[in-house]
N, C-alpha and C. Protein backbone atom coordinates (compact mmCIF):
# COMPACT_ATOMS: atom_id res chain seq x y z
N MET A 1 116.40 127.66 116.85
CA MET A 1 116.62 126.23 116.90
C MET A 1 116.18 125.55 115.60
N PHE A 2 115.03 125.96 115.05
CA PHE A 2 114.51 125.32 113.85
C PHE A 2 114.70 126.17 112.60
N GLU A 3 115.67 127.09 112.62
CA GLU A 3 115.89 127.97 111.48
C GLU A 3 116.44 127.24 110.26
N TRP A 4 116.99 126.05 110.44
CA TRP A 4 117.63 125.32 109.35
C TRP A 4 116.63 124.76 108.35
N MET A 5 115.33 124.79 108.69
CA MET A 5 114.32 124.21 107.80
C MET A 5 113.20 125.22 107.56
N ALA A 6 112.62 125.15 106.37
CA ALA A 6 111.50 126.03 106.04
C ALA A 6 110.23 125.43 106.64
N TRP A 7 109.84 125.91 107.82
CA TRP A 7 108.69 125.36 108.52
C TRP A 7 107.42 126.04 108.04
N THR A 8 106.91 125.59 106.91
CA THR A 8 105.63 126.07 106.43
C THR A 8 104.53 125.26 107.13
N THR A 9 103.31 125.68 106.98
CA THR A 9 102.20 124.97 107.62
C THR A 9 102.09 123.51 107.16
N PRO A 10 102.17 123.22 105.85
CA PRO A 10 102.09 121.81 105.45
C PRO A 10 103.23 120.95 106.01
N VAL A 11 104.43 121.50 106.07
CA VAL A 11 105.57 120.74 106.61
C VAL A 11 105.35 120.46 108.09
N THR A 12 104.89 121.45 108.81
CA THR A 12 104.63 121.28 110.24
C THR A 12 103.53 120.25 110.48
N VAL A 13 102.45 120.31 109.71
CA VAL A 13 101.36 119.35 109.86
C VAL A 13 101.85 117.94 109.54
N PHE A 14 102.68 117.80 108.49
CA PHE A 14 103.20 116.49 108.11
C PHE A 14 104.03 115.89 109.23
N PHE A 15 104.96 116.65 109.80
CA PHE A 15 105.81 116.12 110.86
C PHE A 15 105.04 115.89 112.16
N CYS A 16 104.07 116.74 112.45
CA CYS A 16 103.23 116.51 113.64
C CYS A 16 102.38 115.25 113.46
N SER A 17 101.92 115.00 112.25
CA SER A 17 101.16 113.78 111.97
C SER A 17 102.02 112.54 112.21
N ILE A 18 103.26 112.59 111.76
CA ILE A 18 104.17 111.47 111.98
C ILE A 18 104.40 111.25 113.47
N ALA A 19 104.63 112.32 114.22
CA ALA A 19 104.85 112.20 115.66
C ALA A 19 103.62 111.62 116.35
N LEU A 20 102.43 112.07 115.98
CA LEU A 20 101.21 111.54 116.57
C LEU A 20 101.00 110.07 116.23
N MET A 21 101.34 109.69 114.98
CA MET A 21 101.23 108.28 114.60
C MET A 21 102.17 107.41 115.42
N LEU A 22 103.39 107.86 115.61
CA LEU A 22 104.35 107.09 116.40
C LEU A 22 103.90 106.94 117.84
N CYS A 23 103.38 108.02 118.43
CA CYS A 23 102.86 107.94 119.80
C CYS A 23 101.65 107.01 119.87
N GLY A 24 100.75 107.15 118.91
CA GLY A 24 99.57 106.29 118.89
C GLY A 24 99.92 104.83 118.71
N MET A 25 100.86 104.55 117.84
CA MET A 25 101.28 103.16 117.62
C MET A 25 101.95 102.58 118.86
N THR A 26 102.69 103.40 119.58
CA THR A 26 103.34 102.93 120.80
C THR A 26 102.30 102.53 121.84
N VAL A 27 101.30 103.38 122.03
CA VAL A 27 100.22 103.08 122.99
C VAL A 27 99.45 101.85 122.53
N TRP A 28 99.13 101.76 121.25
CA TRP A 28 98.39 100.63 120.71
C TRP A 28 99.17 99.33 120.90
N GLU A 29 100.47 99.38 120.69
CA GLU A 29 101.31 98.18 120.85
C GLU A 29 101.35 97.74 122.31
N MET A 30 101.38 98.69 123.24
CA MET A 30 101.39 98.32 124.66
C MET A 30 100.05 97.73 125.09
N LYS A 31 98.96 98.25 124.54
CA LYS A 31 97.62 97.76 124.90
C LYS A 31 97.30 96.43 124.22
N SER A 32 97.73 96.28 122.97
CA SER A 32 97.39 95.08 122.19
C SER A 32 98.58 94.69 121.33
N PRO A 33 99.41 93.77 121.81
CA PRO A 33 100.58 93.36 121.03
C PRO A 33 100.18 92.86 119.63
N THR A 34 101.04 93.14 118.69
CA THR A 34 100.74 92.83 117.28
C THR A 34 101.09 91.40 116.92
N SER A 35 100.53 90.95 115.83
CA SER A 35 100.86 89.63 115.27
C SER A 35 101.16 89.83 113.79
N LEU A 36 101.73 88.81 113.19
CA LEU A 36 102.05 88.90 111.77
C LEU A 36 100.78 88.90 110.93
N HIS A 37 100.80 89.64 109.85
CA HIS A 37 99.65 89.82 108.98
C HIS A 37 100.12 89.70 107.54
N LYS A 38 99.36 89.00 106.70
CA LYS A 38 99.68 88.89 105.29
C LYS A 38 98.63 89.61 104.49
N GLY A 39 99.04 90.67 103.80
CA GLY A 39 98.14 91.44 102.95
C GLY A 39 98.70 91.47 101.54
N PHE A 40 98.58 92.61 100.87
CA PHE A 40 99.09 92.70 99.50
C PHE A 40 100.60 92.87 99.43
N LEU A 41 101.24 93.21 100.55
CA LEU A 41 102.70 93.29 100.55
C LEU A 41 103.28 91.88 100.41
N PRO A 42 104.44 91.74 99.79
CA PRO A 42 104.97 90.40 99.51
C PRO A 42 105.61 89.70 100.70
N MET A 43 105.24 90.10 101.91
CA MET A 43 105.80 89.48 103.11
C MET A 43 104.82 89.64 104.25
N GLU A 44 105.00 88.85 105.30
CA GLU A 44 104.18 89.02 106.50
C GLU A 44 104.74 90.21 107.27
N THR A 45 103.85 91.06 107.76
CA THR A 45 104.29 92.27 108.45
C THR A 45 103.52 92.46 109.75
N THR A 46 104.11 93.22 110.64
CA THR A 46 103.43 93.66 111.86
C THR A 46 102.93 95.09 111.61
N ARG A 47 102.19 95.63 112.57
CA ARG A 47 101.72 97.01 112.43
C ARG A 47 102.88 97.97 112.29
N GLY A 48 103.93 97.76 113.07
CA GLY A 48 105.10 98.64 113.00
C GLY A 48 105.78 98.57 111.65
N ASP A 49 105.86 97.37 111.09
CA ASP A 49 106.45 97.21 109.75
C ASP A 49 105.64 98.00 108.72
N ARG A 50 104.32 97.85 108.80
CA ARG A 50 103.46 98.55 107.84
C ARG A 50 103.52 100.06 108.03
N LEU A 51 103.65 100.52 109.27
CA LEU A 51 103.80 101.96 109.51
C LEU A 51 105.09 102.46 108.88
N PHE A 52 106.18 101.75 109.07
CA PHE A 52 107.46 102.17 108.50
C PHE A 52 107.39 102.19 106.97
N ILE A 53 106.86 101.12 106.38
CA ILE A 53 106.73 101.07 104.92
C ILE A 53 105.82 102.20 104.43
N GLY A 54 104.75 102.44 105.15
CA GLY A 54 103.82 103.51 104.78
C GLY A 54 104.45 104.90 104.89
N LEU A 55 105.24 105.13 105.93
CA LEU A 55 105.89 106.43 106.09
C LEU A 55 106.94 106.67 105.01
N VAL A 56 107.70 105.64 104.68
CA VAL A 56 108.68 105.77 103.60
C VAL A 56 107.96 106.03 102.27
N SER A 57 106.88 105.31 102.04
CA SER A 57 106.09 105.53 100.82
C SER A 57 105.53 106.94 100.77
N ALA A 58 105.03 107.43 101.91
CA ALA A 58 104.49 108.79 101.98
C ALA A 58 105.58 109.82 101.67
N ALA A 59 106.77 109.59 102.17
CA ALA A 59 107.88 110.51 101.89
C ALA A 59 108.18 110.55 100.39
N TYR A 60 108.18 109.39 99.75
CA TYR A 60 108.45 109.34 98.31
C TYR A 60 107.33 110.01 97.51
N VAL A 61 106.08 109.86 97.93
CA VAL A 61 104.97 110.54 97.25
C VAL A 61 105.17 112.04 97.34
N ASN A 62 105.52 112.54 98.53
CA ASN A 62 105.74 113.98 98.69
C ASN A 62 106.91 114.47 97.85
N LEU A 63 108.01 113.73 97.84
CA LEU A 63 109.16 114.13 97.03
C LEU A 63 108.83 114.11 95.54
N ALA A 64 108.12 113.09 95.11
CA ALA A 64 107.74 113.00 93.69
C ALA A 64 106.83 114.17 93.31
N PHE A 65 105.90 114.51 94.20
CA PHE A 65 104.99 115.61 93.91
C PHE A 65 105.76 116.93 93.80
N VAL A 66 106.68 117.16 94.72
CA VAL A 66 107.48 118.38 94.65
C VAL A 66 108.29 118.40 93.36
N GLY A 67 108.80 117.24 92.97
CA GLY A 67 109.59 117.16 91.75
C GLY A 67 108.81 117.42 90.48
N ILE A 68 107.55 117.01 90.43
CA ILE A 68 106.77 117.19 89.20
C ILE A 68 105.78 118.35 89.28
N SER A 69 105.75 119.09 90.38
CA SER A 69 104.74 120.16 90.52
C SER A 69 104.91 121.24 89.45
N GLY A 70 106.15 121.52 89.06
CA GLY A 70 106.36 122.50 87.99
C GLY A 70 105.79 122.02 86.66
N LYS A 71 105.98 120.74 86.37
CA LYS A 71 105.42 120.17 85.13
C LYS A 71 103.90 120.14 85.19
N LEU A 72 103.33 119.83 86.36
CA LEU A 72 101.88 119.81 86.50
C LEU A 72 101.30 121.20 86.22
N ALA A 73 101.98 122.22 86.74
CA ALA A 73 101.52 123.60 86.50
C ALA A 73 101.58 123.92 85.01
N GLU A 74 102.61 123.44 84.34
CA GLU A 74 102.75 123.67 82.90
C GLU A 74 101.69 122.91 82.11
N TRP A 75 101.48 121.62 82.43
CA TRP A 75 100.53 120.79 81.70
C TRP A 75 99.10 121.28 81.84
N PHE A 76 98.74 121.73 83.04
CA PHE A 76 97.36 122.15 83.30
C PHE A 76 97.19 123.66 83.22
N SER A 77 98.21 124.36 82.73
CA SER A 77 98.18 125.82 82.56
C SER A 77 97.78 126.54 83.84
N LEU A 78 98.40 126.15 84.96
CA LEU A 78 98.12 126.78 86.24
C LEU A 78 98.99 128.03 86.39
N GLU A 79 98.52 128.98 87.17
CA GLU A 79 99.30 130.20 87.39
C GLU A 79 100.52 129.95 88.27
N GLY A 80 100.41 128.98 89.18
CA GLY A 80 101.51 128.64 90.07
C GLY A 80 101.56 127.13 90.27
N ASP A 81 102.50 126.70 91.10
CA ASP A 81 102.60 125.28 91.40
C ASP A 81 101.38 124.82 92.18
N PRO A 82 100.95 123.58 91.98
CA PRO A 82 99.81 123.07 92.75
C PRO A 82 100.14 123.02 94.25
N SER A 83 99.11 123.05 95.05
CA SER A 83 99.28 123.08 96.50
C SER A 83 99.92 121.79 97.02
N ILE A 84 100.81 121.96 97.96
CA ILE A 84 101.48 120.82 98.58
C ILE A 84 100.49 119.99 99.41
N TRP A 85 99.33 120.57 99.74
CA TRP A 85 98.31 119.82 100.48
C TRP A 85 97.81 118.62 99.68
N ILE A 86 97.88 118.72 98.35
CA ILE A 86 97.47 117.59 97.51
C ILE A 86 98.35 116.39 97.79
N SER A 87 99.67 116.60 97.83
CA SER A 87 100.57 115.48 98.10
C SER A 87 100.43 114.97 99.53
N PHE A 88 100.11 115.86 100.46
CA PHE A 88 99.89 115.43 101.84
C PHE A 88 98.69 114.48 101.92
N ILE A 89 97.61 114.85 101.26
CA ILE A 89 96.40 114.02 101.27
C ILE A 89 96.67 112.69 100.57
N LEU A 90 97.36 112.72 99.42
CA LEU A 90 97.68 111.49 98.71
C LEU A 90 98.58 110.58 99.53
N SER A 91 99.58 111.17 100.20
CA SER A 91 100.51 110.34 100.98
C SER A 91 99.82 109.75 102.21
N MET A 92 98.93 110.48 102.85
CA MET A 92 98.22 109.94 104.01
C MET A 92 97.22 108.87 103.58
N ALA A 93 96.62 109.03 102.39
CA ALA A 93 95.72 107.99 101.87
C ALA A 93 96.51 106.72 101.57
N LEU A 94 97.69 106.86 100.98
CA LEU A 94 98.54 105.70 100.71
C LEU A 94 98.95 105.03 102.02
N LEU A 95 99.31 105.82 103.01
CA LEU A 95 99.68 105.27 104.33
C LEU A 95 98.51 104.50 104.93
N ALA A 96 97.30 105.05 104.82
CA ALA A 96 96.12 104.36 105.37
C ALA A 96 95.86 103.04 104.65
N VAL A 97 96.04 103.00 103.34
CA VAL A 97 95.85 101.76 102.59
C VAL A 97 96.89 100.72 103.01
N ILE A 98 98.12 101.13 103.14
CA ILE A 98 99.17 100.19 103.54
C ILE A 98 98.92 99.68 104.95
N MET A 99 98.52 100.56 105.86
CA MET A 99 98.26 100.13 107.23
C MET A 99 97.07 99.17 107.29
N ARG A 100 96.06 99.41 106.50
CA ARG A 100 94.84 98.61 106.57
C ARG A 100 94.94 97.29 105.77
N LYS A 101 95.45 97.37 104.57
CA LYS A 101 95.42 96.22 103.66
C LYS A 101 96.79 95.59 103.40
N GLY A 102 97.86 96.27 103.82
CA GLY A 102 99.23 95.80 103.53
C GLY A 102 99.55 94.60 104.30
């Protein structure tokens, strides 16, 4: 069923994290309805808006990291490409900042 994708451990953890966030946000929204919030984003947003913006941003961080990982290995004289866990941690940190301060 899932043969169409390379399910490595980081990919699985990333998608499971997204699924858990969506479930958690659903429960949170049912328990405590959201209101508009103005943070550093140029518009008023709800929690769901910030989650969507954060997830899209996290996806771009991961794609950018995969795109430049070969250059990073070259610049820092690494034997192989840097670990994808680095981009996972960076993207989740960005998501947390957007959710909290966005």
